[in-house]
N, C-alpha and C. Protein backbone atom coordinates (compact mmCIF):
# COMPACT_ATOMS: atom_id res chain seq x y z
N MET A 1 3.50 22.25 -18.42
CA MET A 1 2.33 21.09 -19.48
C MET A 1 1.05 22.48 -19.98
N LYS A 2 1.42 22.57 -21.26
CA LYS A 2 0.16 23.04 -22.00
C LYS A 2 -1.36 22.02 -21.68
N PHE A 3 -2.58 23.19 -21.69
CA PHE A 3 -3.55 21.86 -21.47
C PHE A 3 -3.51 21.48 -23.44
N SER A 4 -3.04 21.77 -24.09
CA SER A 4 -3.57 21.17 -25.49
C SER A 4 -2.27 20.46 -25.93
N GLU A 5 -1.61 19.88 -24.94
CA GLU A 5 -0.95 19.43 -25.50
C GLU A 5 -0.90 18.04 -24.49
N LEU A 6 -1.80 17.44 -23.57
CA LEU A 6 -2.59 16.19 -23.59
C LEU A 6 -3.60 15.33 -24.86
N ALA A 7 -3.08 14.26 -24.79
CA ALA A 7 -3.83 13.51 -25.14
C ALA A 7 -5.61 13.93 -24.72
N PRO A 8 -5.96 13.10 -25.87
CA PRO A 8 -7.55 13.55 -25.50
C PRO A 8 -8.06 12.59 -24.48
N ARG A 9 -7.90 11.44 -24.14
CA ARG A 9 -7.48 9.99 -23.00
C ARG A 9 -7.54 10.87 -21.50
N GLU A 10 -6.32 11.57 -21.83
CA GLU A 10 -5.45 12.25 -20.49
C GLU A 10 -5.85 13.70 -19.89
N ARG A 11 -6.31 14.52 -21.55
CA ARG A 11 -7.32 15.41 -20.77
C ARG A 11 -8.67 14.92 -20.02
N HIS A 12 -9.41 14.25 -20.66
CA HIS A 12 -10.87 13.44 -19.39
C HIS A 12 -10.46 13.22 -18.28
N ASN A 13 -8.72 13.02 -18.33
CA ASN A 13 -8.72 12.10 -16.84
C ASN A 13 -8.13 13.39 -15.97
N PHE A 14 -8.21 14.64 -16.49
CA PHE A 14 -7.47 15.83 -15.46
C PHE A 14 -8.94 16.06 -15.44
N VAL A 15 -9.87 16.65 -16.59
CA VAL A 15 -11.43 16.93 -16.50
C VAL A 15 -11.83 16.85 -15.40
N TYR A 16 -11.49 15.02 -15.10
CA TYR A 16 -12.10 14.26 -14.01
C TYR A 16 -11.90 15.06 -12.58
N PHE A 17 -10.30 15.02 -12.25
CA PHE A 17 -9.83 15.69 -11.57
C PHE A 17 -9.97 16.82 -10.61
N LEU A 18 -10.70 17.79 -11.90
CA LEU A 18 -10.73 18.67 -11.77
C LEU A 18 -12.07 18.70 -11.20
N LEU A 19 -13.21 18.27 -11.54
CA LEU A 19 -14.61 17.82 -11.03
C LEU A 19 -14.03 17.58 -9.26
N PHE A 20 -13.41 16.62 -9.58
CA PHE A 20 -13.40 15.96 -7.95
C PHE A 20 -12.88 16.92 -6.88
N PHE A 21 -11.90 17.60 -7.83
CA PHE A 21 -11.21 18.94 -6.63
C PHE A 21 -12.23 19.82 -5.98
N PHE A 22 -12.96 20.23 -7.21
CA PHE A 22 -14.12 20.93 -7.10
C PHE A 22 -14.90 20.38 -5.77
N PHE A 23 -15.38 19.70 -6.78
CA PHE A 23 -16.96 19.22 -5.67
C PHE A 23 -16.27 18.51 -3.86
N TYR A 24 -15.24 18.12 -4.20
CA TYR A 24 -14.78 17.36 -2.53
C TYR A 24 -13.97 19.27 -1.89
N TYR A 25 -13.63 19.61 -2.55
CA TYR A 25 -13.20 20.67 -1.57
C TYR A 25 -13.90 22.01 -1.48
N PHE A 26 -14.74 22.21 -2.34
CA PHE A 26 -15.18 23.57 -2.46
C PHE A 26 -16.17 23.85 -1.75
N ILE A 27 -17.54 22.50 -2.05
CA ILE A 27 -18.89 22.28 -1.95
C ILE A 27 -18.59 21.66 -0.30
N MET A 28 -17.86 20.58 -0.10
CA MET A 28 -17.99 20.11 2.00
C MET A 28 -17.03 21.12 1.87
N SER A 29 -16.62 22.21 1.99
CA SER A 29 -15.65 23.20 2.64
C SER A 29 -16.85 24.37 2.56
N ALA A 30 -17.83 24.62 2.40
CA ALA A 30 -19.00 25.44 1.94
C ALA A 30 -19.94 24.42 3.04
N TYR A 31 -20.21 23.29 3.13
CA TYR A 31 -20.72 23.31 3.75
C TYR A 31 -20.44 22.61 5.69
N PHE A 32 -19.27 22.60 5.30
CA PHE A 32 -18.49 21.75 6.88
C PHE A 32 -19.11 22.42 8.03
N PRO A 33 -19.17 24.02 7.77
CA PRO A 33 -19.53 25.10 8.93
C PRO A 33 -20.90 24.32 9.60
N PHE A 34 -22.26 24.15 8.91
CA PHE A 34 -23.64 23.85 9.39
C PHE A 34 -23.57 22.47 9.24
N PHE A 35 -22.14 21.38 9.32
CA PHE A 35 -22.28 20.21 10.02
C PHE A 35 -23.03 19.90 11.31
N ARG A 36 -22.35 20.41 11.67
CA ARG A 36 -21.92 20.63 13.28
C ARG A 36 -24.04 20.73 13.79
N CYS A 37 -24.28 21.15 13.52
CA CYS A 37 -25.87 22.00 13.70
C CYS A 37 -26.74 20.69 13.21
N GLY A 38 -26.56 20.70 12.17
CA GLY A 38 -27.02 19.08 11.82
C GLY A 38 -27.11 17.58 11.95
N TRP A 39 -25.68 17.75 12.33
CA TRP A 39 -25.53 16.66 13.25
C TRP A 39 -26.18 16.39 14.80
N ARG A 40 -26.09 18.22 15.00
CA ARG A 40 -26.45 17.61 16.90
C ARG A 40 -27.84 17.52 16.84
N THR A 41 -28.49 18.40 15.37
CA THR A 41 -30.38 17.89 15.75
C THR A 41 -30.81 16.95 15.53
N LEU A 42 -29.91 15.80 14.54
CA LEU A 42 -30.26 14.26 13.80
C LEU A 42 -29.78 13.47 15.24
N THR A 43 -28.99 14.03 15.91
CA THR A 43 -28.58 12.77 16.85
C THR A 43 -29.57 12.92 18.47
N ILE A 44 -29.79 14.55 18.24
CA ILE A 44 -31.04 14.32 19.41
C ILE A 44 -32.94 13.66 18.98
């Protein structure tokens, strides 16, 4: 499936899925090692 073969509506859905994939996996994986440090200071 080529990107140019998609209908405009499907192309928008595909872009939204890529944005969700980027934000969820890349940013959360970059933030996750520091999550326990921040959580420990918040609970204390």
